[in-house]
Amino acid sequence: MEYTEEQKAAFKEEFALRRRRQIYVAVPLVALGLAFAFLVDEKAGTAPLGLPAGAVGPAFFGLVLAVLVFSWRNWRCPACDRYLGKGTSPKFCPGCGAELQ
């Protein structure tokens, strides 16, 4: 399908927004995971913020699951709404071929 120049520009703009959202979610998740991994004191049974060490794992798993659901919905082509795959910076949509950058 051929798109107008306005549509192509809108796709690129929307892709840039979606890519920023992915980064805004992924970077803090990794940092939080590393922080909890190094700060949990299993012998003392505590984690940061006074949380019990046994609660950190399930809470972090829930957070990761929420981020995965968000990413699955966010990381889609603005033109055809197909999943963009595992890459972090695709130039074109693997489904419809729309230029993203």
N, C-alpha and C. Protein backbone atom coordinates (compact mmCIF):
# COMPACT_ATOMS: atom_id res chain seq x y z
N MET A 1 0.84 -1.18 0.00
CA MET A 1 0.00 0.00 0.00
C MET A 1 0.88 1.24 0.00
N GLU A 2 0.51 2.20 -0.78
CA GLU A 2 1.24 3.45 -0.84
C GLU A 2 0.65 4.43 0.16
N TYR A 3 1.54 5.11 0.87
CA TYR A 3 1.10 6.09 1.86
C TYR A 3 1.48 7.47 1.38
N THR A 4 0.73 8.48 1.83
CA THR A 4 1.07 9.86 1.50
C THR A 4 2.26 10.28 2.34
N GLU A 5 2.86 11.40 1.94
CA GLU A 5 4.01 11.91 2.69
C GLU A 5 3.61 12.28 4.12
N GLU A 6 2.40 12.81 4.29
CA GLU A 6 1.91 13.15 5.62
C GLU A 6 1.77 11.90 6.48
N GLN A 7 1.25 10.82 5.90
CA GLN A 7 1.11 9.57 6.64
C GLN A 7 2.48 9.01 7.02
N LYS A 8 3.42 9.05 6.08
CA LYS A 8 4.77 8.56 6.37
C LYS A 8 5.40 9.34 7.51
N ALA A 9 5.24 10.65 7.50
CA ALA A 9 5.79 11.48 8.57
C ALA A 9 5.11 11.15 9.90
N ALA A 10 3.81 10.92 9.87
CA ALA A 10 3.08 10.57 11.10
C ALA A 10 3.53 9.21 11.63
N PHE A 11 3.80 8.26 10.73
CA PHE A 11 4.29 6.94 11.16
C PHE A 11 5.64 7.06 11.85
N LYS A 12 6.52 7.85 11.27
CA LYS A 12 7.85 8.04 11.86
C LYS A 12 7.75 8.72 13.23
N GLU A 13 6.88 9.71 13.32
CA GLU A 13 6.69 10.41 14.59
C GLU A 13 6.13 9.47 15.66
N GLU A 14 5.14 8.69 15.29
CA GLU A 14 4.53 7.74 16.24
C GLU A 14 5.53 6.65 16.63
N PHE A 15 6.34 6.19 15.67
CA PHE A 15 7.34 5.18 16.00
C PHE A 15 8.35 5.73 17.00
N ALA A 16 8.78 6.98 16.80
CA ALA A 16 9.73 7.60 17.72
C ALA A 16 9.14 7.67 19.13
N LEU A 17 7.85 8.00 19.23
CA LEU A 17 7.18 8.05 20.52
C LEU A 17 7.14 6.66 21.17
N ARG A 18 6.79 5.66 20.39
CA ARG A 18 6.73 4.29 20.91
C ARG A 18 8.11 3.79 21.34
N ARG A 19 9.12 4.14 20.58
CA ARG A 19 10.48 3.73 20.94
C ARG A 19 10.92 4.38 22.24
N ARG A 20 10.60 5.67 22.42
CA ARG A 20 10.92 6.37 23.68
C ARG A 20 10.21 5.71 24.85
N ARG A 21 8.94 5.34 24.66
CA ARG A 21 8.20 4.68 25.74
C ARG A 21 8.86 3.36 26.12
N GLN A 22 9.34 2.62 25.11
CA GLN A 22 10.01 1.35 25.40
C GLN A 22 11.26 1.58 26.25
N ILE A 23 12.01 2.59 25.90
CA ILE A 23 13.24 2.89 26.65
C ILE A 23 12.89 3.37 28.06
N TYR A 24 11.87 4.22 28.18
CA TYR A 24 11.46 4.74 29.49
C TYR A 24 11.00 3.62 30.42
N VAL A 25 10.51 2.53 29.88
CA VAL A 25 10.06 1.40 30.69
C VAL A 25 11.21 0.43 30.96
N ALA A 26 12.03 0.16 29.96
CA ALA A 26 13.07 -0.87 30.08
C ALA A 26 14.23 -0.45 30.99
N VAL A 27 14.70 0.76 30.85
CA VAL A 27 15.88 1.18 31.62
C VAL A 27 15.61 1.15 33.13
N PRO A 28 14.51 1.73 33.62
CA PRO A 28 14.27 1.64 35.06
C PRO A 28 14.03 0.20 35.54
N LEU A 29 13.43 -0.63 34.70
CA LEU A 29 13.19 -2.03 35.09
C LEU A 29 14.52 -2.75 35.30
N VAL A 30 15.46 -2.57 34.39
CA VAL A 30 16.77 -3.20 34.53
C VAL A 30 17.49 -2.65 35.76
N ALA A 31 17.45 -1.34 35.94
CA ALA A 31 18.11 -0.74 37.10
C ALA A 31 17.50 -1.23 38.41
N LEU A 32 16.19 -1.32 38.45
CA LEU A 32 15.51 -1.81 39.65
C LEU A 32 15.86 -3.27 39.92
N GLY A 33 15.90 -4.07 38.87
CA GLY A 33 16.28 -5.48 39.02
C GLY A 33 17.68 -5.63 39.57
N LEU A 34 18.62 -4.86 39.04
CA LEU A 34 19.99 -4.91 39.54
C LEU A 34 20.09 -4.42 40.97
N ALA A 35 19.38 -3.36 41.29
CA ALA A 35 19.41 -2.82 42.65
C ALA A 35 18.90 -3.85 43.65
N PHE A 36 17.78 -4.46 43.35
CA PHE A 36 17.23 -5.44 44.27
C PHE A 36 18.11 -6.68 44.34
N ALA A 37 18.72 -7.07 43.24
CA ALA A 37 19.58 -8.25 43.25
C ALA A 37 20.78 -8.04 44.17
N PHE A 38 21.31 -6.83 44.19
CA PHE A 38 22.48 -6.56 45.02
C PHE A 38 22.14 -6.12 46.44
N LEU A 39 20.93 -5.63 46.65
CA LEU A 39 20.59 -5.09 47.96
C LEU A 39 19.79 -6.04 48.85
N VAL A 40 19.27 -7.12 48.27
CA VAL A 40 18.50 -8.07 49.08
C VAL A 40 19.48 -8.85 49.96
N ASP A 41 19.22 -8.83 51.23
CA ASP A 41 20.03 -9.57 52.19
C ASP A 41 19.20 -10.76 52.66
N GLU A 42 19.41 -11.90 51.98
CA GLU A 42 18.61 -13.07 52.28
C GLU A 42 18.86 -13.60 53.69
N LYS A 43 20.06 -13.45 54.18
CA LYS A 43 20.35 -13.93 55.54
C LYS A 43 19.56 -13.14 56.58
N ALA A 44 19.48 -11.84 56.38
CA ALA A 44 18.73 -11.01 57.32
C ALA A 44 17.23 -11.06 57.01
N GLY A 45 16.89 -11.53 55.82
CA GLY A 45 15.47 -11.62 55.44
C GLY A 45 14.83 -10.30 55.08
N THR A 46 15.66 -9.32 54.69
CA THR A 46 15.10 -8.01 54.33
C THR A 46 15.60 -7.56 52.98
N ALA A 47 14.86 -6.65 52.41
CA ALA A 47 15.21 -6.03 51.13
C ALA A 47 15.11 -4.53 51.33
N PRO A 48 15.46 -3.75 50.32
CA PRO A 48 15.33 -2.29 50.44
C PRO A 48 13.90 -1.89 50.81
N LEU A 49 13.78 -0.78 51.45
CA LEU A 49 12.50 -0.21 51.88
C LEU A 49 11.83 -1.05 52.96
N GLY A 50 12.57 -1.94 53.60
CA GLY A 50 12.03 -2.75 54.68
C GLY A 50 11.12 -3.87 54.23
N LEU A 51 11.13 -4.17 52.94
CA LEU A 51 10.30 -5.26 52.43
C LEU A 51 10.87 -6.60 52.84
N PRO A 52 10.02 -7.58 53.09
CA PRO A 52 10.56 -8.93 53.35
C PRO A 52 11.19 -9.49 52.08
N ALA A 53 12.31 -10.18 52.22
CA ALA A 53 13.05 -10.71 51.07
C ALA A 53 12.17 -11.65 50.24
N GLY A 54 11.29 -12.38 50.87
CA GLY A 54 10.42 -13.31 50.15
C GLY A 54 9.37 -12.63 49.28
N ALA A 55 9.12 -11.36 49.51
CA ALA A 55 8.12 -10.64 48.72
C ALA A 55 8.71 -9.98 47.49
N VAL A 56 10.02 -9.80 47.49
CA VAL A 56 10.67 -9.10 46.38
C VAL A 56 10.57 -9.89 45.08
N GLY A 57 10.83 -11.17 45.14
CA GLY A 57 10.78 -11.99 43.92
C GLY A 57 9.43 -11.97 43.23
N PRO A 58 8.34 -12.30 43.94
CA PRO A 58 7.02 -12.25 43.29
C PRO A 58 6.63 -10.84 42.82
N ALA A 59 7.00 -9.83 43.60
CA ALA A 59 6.67 -8.46 43.18
C ALA A 59 7.43 -8.09 41.91
N PHE A 60 8.70 -8.45 41.85
CA PHE A 60 9.48 -8.14 40.66
C PHE A 60 8.97 -8.94 39.46
N PHE A 61 8.59 -10.20 39.69
CA PHE A 61 8.02 -11.02 38.61
C PHE A 61 6.75 -10.37 38.06
N GLY A 62 5.90 -9.87 38.95
CA GLY A 62 4.69 -9.18 38.52
C GLY A 62 4.99 -7.93 37.72
N LEU A 63 6.01 -7.19 38.15
CA LEU A 63 6.42 -5.99 37.43
C LEU A 63 6.94 -6.34 36.04
N VAL A 64 7.76 -7.38 35.95
CA VAL A 64 8.29 -7.82 34.65
C VAL A 64 7.14 -8.25 33.74
N LEU A 65 6.19 -8.97 34.28
CA LEU A 65 5.04 -9.41 33.50
C LEU A 65 4.25 -8.21 32.97
N ALA A 66 4.05 -7.21 33.81
CA ALA A 66 3.35 -5.99 33.39
C ALA A 66 4.10 -5.27 32.28
N VAL A 67 5.43 -5.19 32.41
CA VAL A 67 6.24 -4.54 31.38
C VAL A 67 6.18 -5.33 30.07
N LEU A 68 6.19 -6.65 30.15
CA LEU A 68 6.09 -7.47 28.94
C LEU A 68 4.75 -7.25 28.23
N VAL A 69 3.67 -7.18 28.98
CA VAL A 69 2.35 -6.93 28.38
C VAL A 69 2.34 -5.54 27.74
N PHE A 70 2.88 -4.55 28.45
CA PHE A 70 2.96 -3.20 27.89
C PHE A 70 3.76 -3.20 26.60
N SER A 71 4.92 -3.86 26.61
CA SER A 71 5.79 -3.89 25.43
C SER A 71 5.13 -4.60 24.27
N TRP A 72 4.44 -5.68 24.56
CA TRP A 72 3.75 -6.43 23.50
C TRP A 72 2.72 -5.52 22.82
N ARG A 73 2.06 -4.67 23.56
CA ARG A 73 1.05 -3.79 22.99
C ARG A 73 1.66 -2.52 22.38
N ASN A 74 2.71 -1.99 22.99
CA ASN A 74 3.31 -0.75 22.53
C ASN A 74 4.18 -0.94 21.29
N TRP A 75 4.93 -2.03 21.22
CA TRP A 75 5.94 -2.22 20.19
C TRP A 75 5.31 -2.77 18.91
N ARG A 76 4.49 -1.95 18.30
CA ARG A 76 3.76 -2.32 17.09
C ARG A 76 3.95 -1.24 16.03
N CYS A 77 3.80 -1.68 14.80
CA CYS A 77 3.92 -0.75 13.68
C CYS A 77 2.78 0.26 13.73
N PRO A 78 3.09 1.55 13.59
CA PRO A 78 2.03 2.56 13.59
C PRO A 78 1.16 2.49 12.33
N ALA A 79 1.64 1.83 11.29
CA ALA A 79 0.88 1.75 10.05
C ALA A 79 -0.07 0.55 10.02
N CYS A 80 0.43 -0.64 10.40
CA CYS A 80 -0.38 -1.85 10.27
C CYS A 80 -0.68 -2.55 11.59
N ASP A 81 -0.11 -2.07 12.69
CA ASP A 81 -0.32 -2.59 14.04
C ASP A 81 0.24 -4.00 14.24
N ARG A 82 1.20 -4.40 13.45
CA ARG A 82 1.86 -5.70 13.66
C ARG A 82 3.03 -5.53 14.61
N TYR A 83 3.33 -6.61 15.35
CA TYR A 83 4.44 -6.60 16.30
C TYR A 83 5.75 -6.37 15.53
N LEU A 84 6.62 -5.52 16.06
CA LEU A 84 7.85 -5.16 15.37
C LEU A 84 9.02 -6.10 15.63
N GLY A 85 8.85 -7.08 16.49
CA GLY A 85 9.92 -8.04 16.74
C GLY A 85 10.81 -7.63 17.89
N LYS A 86 11.92 -8.34 18.01
CA LYS A 86 12.82 -8.15 19.15
C LYS A 86 13.83 -7.04 18.97
N GLY A 87 14.01 -6.56 17.78
CA GLY A 87 14.99 -5.50 17.54
C GLY A 87 14.60 -4.21 18.23
N THR A 88 15.58 -3.38 18.51
CA THR A 88 15.30 -2.13 19.21
C THR A 88 15.19 -0.94 18.28
N SER A 89 15.59 -1.09 17.04
CA SER A 89 15.59 0.05 16.15
C SER A 89 15.35 -0.37 14.69
N PRO A 90 14.20 -0.97 14.39
CA PRO A 90 13.96 -1.37 13.01
C PRO A 90 13.79 -0.15 12.09
N LYS A 91 14.32 -0.25 10.91
CA LYS A 91 14.17 0.83 9.93
C LYS A 91 12.83 0.74 9.22
N PHE A 92 12.36 -0.50 9.01
CA PHE A 92 11.10 -0.74 8.31
C PHE A 92 10.29 -1.77 9.08
N CYS A 93 8.98 -1.71 8.90
CA CYS A 93 8.09 -2.69 9.50
C CYS A 93 8.27 -4.03 8.78
N PRO A 94 8.47 -5.13 9.51
CA PRO A 94 8.62 -6.42 8.86
C PRO A 94 7.31 -6.90 8.22
N GLY A 95 6.19 -6.34 8.61
CA GLY A 95 4.90 -6.77 8.07
C GLY A 95 4.50 -6.02 6.80
N CYS A 96 4.43 -4.70 6.90
CA CYS A 96 3.92 -3.91 5.76
C CYS A 96 5.01 -3.17 5.01
N GLY A 97 6.21 -3.08 5.59
CA GLY A 97 7.31 -2.39 4.92
C GLY A 97 7.34 -0.88 5.11
N ALA A 98 6.46 -0.36 5.97
CA ALA A 98 6.45 1.08 6.20
C ALA A 98 7.77 1.53 6.80
N GLU A 99 8.27 2.65 6.31
CA GLU A 99 9.52 3.21 6.84
C GLU A 99 9.25 3.80 8.21
N LEU A 100 10.08 3.40 9.19
CA LEU A 100 9.86 3.83 10.57
C LEU A 100 10.86 4.90 11.03
N GLN A 101 11.99 4.99 10.36
CA GLN A 101 13.01 5.96 10.76
C GLN A 101 13.50 6.72 9.55
